[in-house]
């Protein structure tokens, strides 16, 4: 059997290679694509879709392997086979967390699949903050971190604005058009190395709020749905069969907790590990400082949403973490850990009692902290309407959407009952006019 060897991404490759990024968060990754181009990396975000990618992945990854790995590998190999990219001048980039999730091993599965498909010369770059793998031609320095964090906060804020505006817009497509304007603008600004400072972010978020405040909206009762789950399936349209688009088509207001919360969760886990198992005091202080640093970003986003008066700011991560402490415990950190459970409780507190928990079939940690915790959530929020949807190569989109429709039918009945109750109360209030 041929030995699978790692091809390092060198400084010379940085000048001549195109780096392909997998699909996950389209808004965030488009903005980050601009930032990385400004740092001298020729990157391109893959937006390909369809059953062909699943079938391509099944050729090189066992169907019992984690579904996100199958999709990412299938998308990469389909791109290399398309003829659009020169395999001798193309590199792939994949995150590597280093935690208990199988995601840390995707990179090795990808290299094995590339060799099997005849692309063993293609370098795979590990995007990780812990030094699991290093490449001469790719470095995570302070400039990269500030640009990346700007992309995250811009992406989260835009997502919150557009999801709250789209169901109520009087001019169809206005919210998406405004969102596209901001994505293109921010990607170009970050490409120029601008607008990543705290001052610039605060200014842009304020302007963004004014733009979305200018939209003509017709507020009326809508079914509110939150989406939680395994990070890739939660965010990637490819993985969740365009779940957000489906819900928007059903007339729902959708709430998908942002990426910043997941990043904060990582630092929470580092701090909790030191508390539970011991560690150096300096390591704890560093993580506390970084967590506080992220809270500043979060504060800017929440302020931009709150000051408009028309849009809802999400609960602070501190409030979400408190739900994690009360419902499951902060020591539970495999998969999406306590964050997944806490996000369900936080969504209920915010009024999004209808929740879809998306997970790859066979992802045991997320089955436990997601589907396994629904009873505990319902004990605290009796009107919680939660459905868990599995995603794998054999699951059909029709069956998944039918299960969501069943959940929505219950949600609409509750919405109608609530509206009738409000009308009855209003009719009973005596008039003070005349």
Protein backbone atom coordinates (compact mmCIF):
# COMPACT_ATOMS: atom_id res chain seq x y z
CA UNK A 1 0.00 0.00 0.00
CA UNK A 2 1.33 3.43 -0.96
CA UNK A 3 2.36 5.54 2.01
CA UNK A 4 0.34 8.74 2.37
CA UNK A 5 2.79 11.57 2.84
CA UNK A 6 2.10 15.18 3.74
CA UNK A 7 2.97 17.80 1.11
CA UNK A 8 3.99 21.00 2.84
CA UNK A 9 2.62 24.27 1.50
CA UNK A 10 5.76 26.33 0.87
CA UNK A 11 6.43 30.04 0.46
CA UNK A 12 6.95 29.53 -3.29
CA UNK A 13 3.55 27.81 -3.52
CA UNK A 14 1.93 30.83 -1.87
CA UNK A 15 2.95 32.92 -4.89
CA UNK A 16 1.69 30.53 -7.55
CA UNK A 17 -1.00 28.25 -6.07
CA UNK A 18 -4.76 28.72 -5.76
CA UNK A 19 -6.16 27.65 -2.37
CA UNK A 20 -9.66 26.15 -2.34
CA UNK A 21 -11.88 26.66 0.72
CA UNK A 22 -14.84 24.34 1.49
CA UNK A 23 -18.39 25.57 1.72
CA UNK A 24 -19.76 26.32 5.21
CA UNK A 25 -20.77 29.88 6.13
CA UNK A 26 -21.28 31.61 2.80
CA UNK A 27 -21.49 35.21 4.08
CA UNK A 28 -18.60 34.85 6.51
CA UNK A 29 -16.38 32.93 4.12
CA UNK A 30 -16.94 35.39 1.25
CA UNK A 31 -15.79 38.22 3.51
CA UNK A 32 -12.86 36.14 4.82
CA UNK A 33 -11.95 35.30 1.22
CA UNK A 34 -11.33 38.99 0.61
CA UNK A 35 -9.24 39.27 3.79
CA UNK A 36 -7.05 36.32 2.79
CA UNK A 37 -6.52 37.71 -0.70
CA UNK A 38 -5.28 40.90 0.92
CA UNK A 39 -2.71 38.82 2.80
CA UNK A 40 -1.35 37.45 -0.47
CA UNK A 41 -3.24 34.15 -0.65
CA UNK A 42 -5.03 33.33 -3.90
CA UNK A 43 -8.12 31.73 -2.35
CA UNK A 44 -11.46 30.66 -3.80
CA UNK A 45 -14.56 29.58 -1.90
CA UNK A 46 -16.26 26.52 -3.35
CA UNK A 47 -20.01 26.97 -3.71
CA UNK A 48 -20.77 23.81 -5.70
CA UNK A 49 -23.83 21.84 -4.61
CA UNK A 50 -25.93 18.79 -5.42
CA UNK A 51 -26.05 15.03 -5.10
CA UNK A 52 -22.94 14.65 -7.28
CA UNK A 53 -20.79 15.86 -4.36
CA UNK A 54 -22.27 13.22 -2.04
CA UNK A 55 -21.65 10.51 -4.64
CA UNK A 56 -18.07 11.72 -5.18
CA UNK A 57 -17.44 11.59 -1.44
CA UNK A 58 -18.84 8.06 -1.20
CA UNK A 59 -16.20 6.88 -3.69
CA UNK A 60 -13.38 7.77 -1.31
CA UNK A 61 -14.91 7.85 2.19
CA UNK A 62 -16.77 5.02 3.94
CA UNK A 63 -20.47 5.82 4.36
CA UNK A 64 -20.15 5.32 8.14
CA UNK A 65 -17.65 8.18 8.29
CA UNK A 66 -18.89 11.52 9.60
CA UNK A 67 -21.16 13.12 7.00
CA UNK A 68 -19.39 16.52 7.02
CA UNK A 69 -16.09 14.78 6.19
CA UNK A 70 -17.74 12.98 3.29
CA UNK A 71 -19.16 16.25 1.92
CA UNK A 72 -15.98 18.30 2.28
CA UNK A 73 -13.85 15.58 0.68
CA UNK A 74 -16.42 15.04 -2.07
CA UNK A 75 -16.55 18.78 -2.82
CA UNK A 76 -12.75 19.08 -2.98
CA UNK A 77 -12.27 16.07 -5.26
CA UNK A 78 -15.18 17.07 -7.50
CA UNK A 79 -13.53 20.47 -7.92
CA UNK A 80 -10.17 18.91 -8.84
CA UNK A 81 -11.87 16.59 -11.34
CA UNK A 82 -13.85 19.41 -12.92
CA UNK A 83 -10.91 20.61 -15.00
CA UNK A 84 -11.36 24.13 -13.68
CA UNK A 85 -8.24 23.90 -11.49
CA UNK A 86 -4.70 22.75 -12.24
CA UNK A 87 -3.91 20.01 -9.68
CA UNK A 88 -0.23 20.95 -9.89
CA UNK A 89 -1.03 24.53 -8.87
CA UNK A 90 -3.86 23.98 -6.39
CA UNK A 91 -3.91 23.54 -2.60
CA UNK A 92 -6.79 22.75 -0.24
CA UNK A 93 -7.47 24.28 3.18
CA UNK A 94 -9.24 22.52 6.03
CA UNK A 95 -9.75 23.37 9.70
CA UNK A 96 -8.26 21.12 12.35
CA UNK A 97 -9.55 21.71 15.88
CA UNK A 98 -7.54 19.23 17.92
CA UNK A 99 -10.51 18.43 20.16
CA UNK A 100 -12.35 15.18 20.78
CA UNK A 101 -14.37 15.42 17.56
CA UNK A 102 -13.46 13.27 14.56
CA UNK A 103 -13.07 16.54 12.62
CA UNK A 104 -9.40 16.65 13.64
CA UNK A 105 -8.85 13.57 11.49
CA UNK A 106 -10.64 14.84 8.38
CA UNK A 107 -7.34 16.16 7.07
CA UNK A 108 -5.82 12.66 7.07
CA UNK A 109 -8.92 11.20 5.41
CA UNK A 110 -8.66 13.91 2.77
CA UNK A 111 -5.03 13.12 2.00
CA UNK A 112 -5.87 9.42 1.71
CA UNK A 113 -8.77 10.23 -0.63
CA UNK A 114 -6.59 12.53 -2.76
CA UNK A 115 -4.01 9.76 -3.21
CA UNK A 116 -6.73 7.29 -4.18
CA UNK A 117 -8.19 9.78 -6.69
CA UNK A 118 -4.78 10.45 -8.26
CA UNK A 119 -4.16 13.87 -6.70
CA UNK A 120 -1.46 13.00 -4.17
CA UNK A 121 0.56 16.05 -5.29
CA UNK A 122 -2.08 18.47 -3.93
CA UNK A 123 -1.05 20.06 -0.59
CA UNK A 124 -3.59 20.22 2.23
CA UNK A 125 -3.19 23.19 4.57
CA UNK A 126 -4.31 22.76 8.17
CA UNK A 127 -6.06 25.85 9.52
CA UNK A 128 -5.51 25.49 13.25
CA UNK A 129 -4.50 27.84 16.07
CA UNK A 130 -2.61 25.23 18.12
CA UNK A 131 0.27 24.27 15.85
CA UNK A 132 -1.00 20.76 15.03
CA UNK A 133 0.54 21.17 11.58
CA UNK A 134 2.72 23.96 10.26
CA UNK A 135 3.37 25.16 6.74
CA UNK A 136 6.11 27.51 5.61
CA UNK A 137 3.76 29.28 3.18
CA UNK A 138 0.83 29.79 5.57
CA UNK A 139 1.00 31.48 8.95
CA UNK A 140 -1.57 32.64 11.49
CA UNK A 141 -0.17 35.93 12.78
CA UNK A 142 -1.81 38.90 14.53
CA UNK A 143 -2.79 40.56 11.26
CA UNK A 144 -4.50 37.37 10.10
CA UNK A 145 -6.31 37.03 13.44
CA UNK A 146 -7.64 40.61 13.40
CA UNK A 147 -8.82 40.29 9.79
CA UNK A 148 -10.44 36.92 10.52
CA UNK A 149 -12.22 38.22 13.61
CA UNK A 150 -13.49 41.20 11.63
CA UNK A 151 -14.89 38.75 9.07
CA UNK A 152 -16.59 36.75 11.82
CA UNK A 153 -18.25 39.76 13.47
CA UNK A 154 -19.33 41.25 10.14
CA UNK A 155 -20.75 37.89 9.04
CA UNK A 156 -22.63 37.29 12.30
CA UNK A 157 -24.13 40.79 12.32
CA UNK A 158 -25.19 40.67 8.68
CA UNK A 159 -26.78 37.25 9.23
CA UNK A 160 -28.76 38.58 12.20
CA UNK A 161 -29.99 41.62 10.26
CA UNK A 162 -30.97 39.82 7.07
CA UNK A 163 -32.70 36.91 8.85
CA UNK A 164 -34.84 39.32 10.86
CA UNK A 165 -35.63 41.54 7.87
CA UNK A 166 -36.30 39.03 5.09
CA UNK A 167 -39.66 37.60 6.35
CA UNK A 168 -41.17 41.07 6.78
CA UNK A 169 -39.84 43.02 3.76
CA UNK A 170 -42.46 44.74 1.62
CA UNK A 171 -40.16 44.66 -1.41
CA UNK A 172 -39.13 41.07 -2.10
CA UNK A 173 -35.34 40.64 -2.28
CA UNK A 174 -34.54 44.01 -0.68
CA UNK A 175 -32.88 42.49 2.41
CA UNK A 176 -30.78 40.08 0.34
CA UNK A 177 -29.75 42.90 -1.99
CA UNK A 178 -28.62 45.04 0.93
CA UNK A 179 -26.76 42.08 2.41
CA UNK A 180 -24.96 41.48 -0.91
CA UNK A 181 -23.90 45.13 -1.05
CA UNK A 182 -22.31 44.87 2.38
CA UNK A 183 -20.61 41.52 1.71
CA UNK A 184 -18.97 42.88 -1.46
CA UNK A 185 -17.95 46.11 0.26
CA UNK A 186 -16.47 44.46 3.35
CA UNK A 187 -14.63 41.79 1.34
CA UNK A 188 -12.98 44.51 -0.73
CA UNK A 189 -12.12 46.63 2.32
CA UNK A 190 -10.52 43.70 4.15
CA UNK A 191 -8.68 42.80 0.95
CA UNK A 192 -7.14 46.28 1.12
CA UNK A 193 -6.16 45.63 4.74
CA UNK A 194 -8.74 48.11 6.04
CA UNK A 195 -11.71 48.08 8.43
CA UNK A 196 -10.45 45.42 10.84
CA UNK A 197 -9.80 47.72 13.82
CA UNK A 198 -12.30 48.09 16.67
CA UNK A 199 -13.04 51.67 15.61
CA UNK A 200 -13.66 50.72 11.97
CA UNK A 201 -15.83 47.73 12.90
CA UNK A 202 -17.95 49.84 15.25
CA UNK A 203 -18.39 52.46 12.52
CA UNK A 204 -19.33 49.91 9.85
CA UNK A 205 -21.81 48.14 12.12
CA UNK A 206 -23.46 51.47 12.85
CA UNK A 207 -23.78 52.22 9.13
CA UNK A 208 -25.05 48.69 8.55
CA UNK A 209 -27.76 49.23 11.17
CA UNK A 210 -28.85 52.47 9.46
CA UNK A 211 -29.07 50.70 6.12
CA UNK A 212 -31.23 47.89 7.47
CA UNK A 213 -33.34 50.39 9.40
CA UNK A 214 -34.16 52.04 6.07
CA UNK A 215 -35.82 48.87 4.74
CA UNK A 216 -39.60 48.95 4.48
CA UNK A 217 -40.86 46.18 6.76
CA UNK A 218 -44.37 45.02 7.55
CA UNK A 219 -44.28 43.41 10.98
CA UNK A 220 -46.84 40.67 11.48
CA UNK A 221 -46.85 37.46 13.54
CA UNK A 222 -44.54 34.86 12.01
CA UNK A 223 -43.43 31.42 13.10
CA UNK A 224 -39.97 31.83 14.65
CA UNK A 225 -37.55 28.95 14.19
CA UNK A 226 -34.07 28.46 15.64
CA UNK A 227 -31.45 26.15 14.15
CA UNK A 228 -28.82 24.45 16.33
CA UNK A 229 -26.61 21.41 15.87
CA UNK A 230 -23.24 20.17 14.67
CA UNK A 231 -21.35 23.18 13.36
CA UNK A 232 -20.94 22.15 9.71
CA UNK A 233 -24.48 20.81 9.23
CA UNK A 234 -25.86 23.80 11.15
CA UNK A 235 -24.30 26.36 8.81
CA UNK A 236 -23.62 24.70 5.44
CA UNK A 237 -26.45 24.79 2.86
CA UNK A 238 -24.76 21.84 1.17
CA UNK A 239 -24.95 19.77 4.36
CA UNK A 240 -28.45 20.71 5.55
CA UNK A 241 -30.11 20.72 2.12
CA UNK A 242 -30.65 24.50 2.16
CA UNK A 243 -32.68 24.33 5.37
CA UNK A 244 -32.70 28.11 5.88
CA UNK A 245 -33.99 28.72 2.36
CA UNK A 246 -36.72 26.14 2.94
CA UNK A 247 -37.81 27.83 6.19
CA UNK A 248 -37.80 31.27 4.56
CA UNK A 249 -39.96 29.80 1.79
CA UNK A 250 -42.39 28.64 4.47
CA UNK A 251 -42.64 32.23 5.75
CA UNK A 252 -40.63 31.70 8.94
CA UNK A 253 -38.26 34.01 10.77
CA UNK A 254 -35.04 32.06 11.23
CA UNK A 255 -32.44 32.42 13.96
CA UNK A 256 -29.07 30.67 13.59
CA UNK A 257 -26.70 31.41 16.52
CA UNK A 258 -23.49 33.00 15.24
CA UNK A 259 -19.96 31.71 14.80
CA UNK A 260 -18.56 34.07 17.42
CA UNK A 261 -20.39 32.13 20.14
CA UNK A 262 -18.64 28.93 19.06
CA UNK A 263 -15.24 30.64 19.21
CA UNK A 264 -16.04 31.92 22.71
CA UNK A 265 -17.10 28.39 23.65
CA UNK A 266 -13.60 27.14 22.76
CA UNK A 267 -11.99 29.53 25.24
CA UNK A 268 -14.61 28.65 27.86
CA UNK A 269 -13.55 25.02 27.49
CA UNK A 270 -9.87 25.87 27.93
CA UNK A 271 -10.67 27.74 31.15
CA UNK A 272 -12.94 24.96 32.43
CA UNK A 273 -10.29 22.30 31.71
CA UNK A 274 -7.79 24.20 33.86
CA UNK A 275 -10.38 24.50 36.64
CA UNK A 276 -11.25 20.80 36.55
CA UNK A 277 -7.91 19.19 35.82
CA UNK A 278 -5.33 21.82 36.73
CA UNK A 279 -2.91 23.77 34.59
CA UNK A 280 -0.63 26.75 34.51
CA UNK A 281 -1.95 30.00 35.92
CA UNK A 282 -0.55 31.92 32.94
CA UNK A 283 -2.57 29.72 30.56
CA UNK A 284 -5.75 30.52 32.46
CA UNK A 285 -4.99 34.25 32.45
CA UNK A 286 -4.31 34.22 28.71
CA UNK A 287 -7.61 32.45 28.00
CA UNK A 288 -9.50 34.81 30.29
CA UNK A 289 -7.95 37.78 28.48
CA UNK A 290 -8.84 36.36 25.06
CA UNK A 291 -12.39 35.64 26.18
CA UNK A 292 -12.72 39.23 27.36
CA UNK A 293 -11.30 40.35 24.01
CA UNK A 294 -14.05 38.41 22.20
CA UNK A 295 -16.70 39.93 24.47
CA UNK A 296 -15.70 43.35 23.09
CA UNK A 297 -16.50 42.14 19.56
CA UNK A 298 -19.78 40.69 20.78
CA UNK A 299 -20.67 43.96 22.50
CA UNK A 300 -20.25 45.90 19.25
CA UNK A 301 -22.55 43.52 17.40
CA UNK A 302 -25.22 43.56 20.10
CA UNK A 303 -25.07 47.37 20.34
CA UNK A 304 -25.59 47.76 16.57
CA UNK A 305 -28.70 45.56 16.67
CA UNK A 306 -30.12 47.01 19.88
CA UNK A 307 -29.84 50.68 18.96
CA UNK A 308 -31.92 50.24 15.81
CA UNK A 309 -35.03 49.38 17.82
CA UNK A 310 -36.33 47.22 14.97
CA UNK A 311 -34.00 44.27 15.36
CA UNK A 312 -33.32 41.90 18.24
CA UNK A 313 -29.82 41.45 19.60
CA UNK A 314 -28.98 37.87 20.60
CA UNK A 315 -28.39 36.99 24.22
CA UNK A 316 -24.83 37.62 25.35
CA UNK A 317 -22.55 34.60 25.38
CA UNK A 318 -22.32 35.01 29.15
CA UNK A 319 -26.09 34.46 29.37
CA UNK A 320 -25.85 31.45 27.03
CA UNK A 321 -23.03 30.01 29.15
CA UNK A 322 -25.24 30.34 32.23
CA UNK A 323 -27.81 28.10 30.53
CA UNK A 324 -25.01 25.59 29.91
CA UNK A 325 -24.14 25.57 33.61
CA UNK A 326 -27.77 25.09 34.64
CA UNK A 327 -28.81 22.43 32.14
CA UNK A 328 -25.84 20.16 31.43
CA UNK A 329 -22.58 21.43 32.99
CA UNK A 330 -19.56 23.09 31.40
CA UNK A 331 -17.45 19.95 31.63
CA UNK A 332 -19.46 18.42 28.77
CA UNK A 333 -17.49 19.53 25.72
CA UNK A 334 -17.37 16.71 23.17
CA UNK A 335 -18.90 17.63 19.82
CA UNK A 336 -20.68 20.95 20.30
CA UNK A 337 -20.92 20.03 23.99
CA UNK A 338 -22.83 22.20 26.42
CA UNK A 339 -23.08 24.99 23.83
CA UNK A 340 -25.66 23.07 21.78
CA UNK A 341 -27.91 22.51 24.80
CA UNK A 342 -27.40 26.09 26.00
CA UNK A 343 -28.27 27.51 22.57
CA UNK A 344 -31.60 25.64 22.62
CA UNK A 345 -32.44 27.11 26.03
CA UNK A 346 -31.28 30.59 24.95
CA UNK A 347 -33.43 30.43 21.80
CA UNK A 348 -36.46 29.55 23.91
CA UNK A 349 -35.73 32.48 26.21
CA UNK A 350 -35.57 34.77 23.16
CA UNK A 351 -38.95 33.56 21.89
CA UNK A 352 -37.76 31.01 19.31
CA UNK A 353 -39.54 28.01 20.83
CA UNK A 354 -39.55 26.09 17.54
CA UNK A 355 -36.11 24.53 17.20
CA UNK A 356 -34.54 22.26 14.60
CA UNK A 357 -31.54 20.32 15.89
CA UNK A 358 -29.47 19.18 12.90
CA UNK A 359 -26.85 16.47 13.29
CA UNK A 360 -24.87 13.99 11.20
CA UNK A 361 -26.27 10.50 11.66
CA UNK A 362 -24.07 8.56 14.08
CA UNK A 363 -22.45 11.63 15.67
CA UNK A 364 -22.85 10.27 19.20
CA UNK A 365 -21.70 13.37 21.16
CA UNK A 366 -24.14 15.63 19.36
CA UNK A 367 -26.97 13.11 19.67
CA UNK A 368 -26.43 13.24 23.44
CA UNK A 369 -26.15 17.03 23.87
CA UNK A 370 -28.81 17.69 21.23
CA UNK A 371 -31.60 15.12 20.95
CA UNK A 372 -30.71 13.69 24.36
CA UNK A 373 -31.32 17.02 26.14
CA UNK A 374 -34.70 17.92 24.64
CA UNK A 375 -36.57 16.59 27.67
CA UNK A 376 -34.50 18.77 29.97
CA UNK A 377 -35.22 21.82 27.78
CA UNK A 378 -38.95 21.07 27.74
CA UNK A 379 -38.99 20.84 31.52
CA UNK A 380 -37.80 24.46 31.63
CA UNK A 381 -39.76 25.62 28.56
CA UNK A 382 -42.99 23.55 28.27
CA UNK A 383 -43.90 25.16 24.94
CA UNK A 384 -40.57 24.18 23.31
CA UNK A 385 -41.28 22.52 19.96
CA UNK A 386 -38.06 20.67 19.08
CA UNK A 387 -37.36 18.30 16.21
CA UNK A 388 -34.04 16.51 15.62
CA UNK A 389 -33.12 15.88 11.97
CA UNK A 390 -30.36 13.47 10.92
CA UNK A 391 -28.29 14.02 7.79
CA UNK A 392 -26.36 11.31 5.99
CA UNK A 393 -25.82 10.04 2.41
CA UNK A 394 -28.97 7.89 2.57
CA UNK A 395 -31.32 10.49 4.04
CA UNK A 396 -33.72 12.05 1.52
CA UNK A 397 -34.47 15.74 1.43
CA UNK A 398 -38.20 15.02 1.12
CA UNK A 399 -38.31 13.08 4.39
CA UNK A 400 -36.30 15.76 6.18
CA UNK A 401 -38.56 18.55 4.95
CA UNK A 402 -41.69 16.57 5.80
CA UNK A 403 -40.51 16.27 9.41
CA UNK A 404 -39.86 20.01 9.48
CA UNK A 405 -43.33 20.67 8.03
CA UNK A 406 -44.87 18.60 10.80
CA UNK A 407 -43.05 20.72 13.37
CA UNK A 408 -44.18 23.90 11.58
CA UNK A 409 -47.82 22.78 11.58
CA UNK A 410 -47.69 22.58 15.40
CA UNK A 411 -45.95 25.97 15.51
CA UNK A 412 -48.62 27.60 13.32
CA UNK A 413 -51.42 26.23 15.52
CA UNK A 414 -49.75 27.74 18.57
CA UNK A 415 -49.18 31.04 16.73
CA UNK A 416 -52.86 31.22 15.70
CA UNK A 417 -53.98 30.42 19.24
CA UNK A 418 -51.66 33.07 20.66
CA UNK A 419 -52.91 35.69 18.15
CA UNK A 420 -56.54 34.94 19.03
CA UNK A 421 -55.76 35.27 22.74
CA UNK A 422 -54.13 38.66 22.18
CA UNK A 423 -57.14 39.86 20.13
CA UNK A 424 -59.56 38.75 22.86
CA UNK A 425 -57.58 40.61 25.51
CA UNK A 426 -57.52 43.76 23.37
CA UNK A 427 -61.30 43.59 22.87
CA UNK A 428 -61.88 43.37 26.62
CA UNK A 429 -59.87 46.56 27.31
CA UNK A 430 -62.42 49.38 27.75
CA UNK A 431 -62.00 52.40 25.51
CA UNK A 432 -60.97 55.66 27.18
CA UNK A 433 -61.85 57.79 24.13
CA UNK A 434 -65.02 59.94 24.06
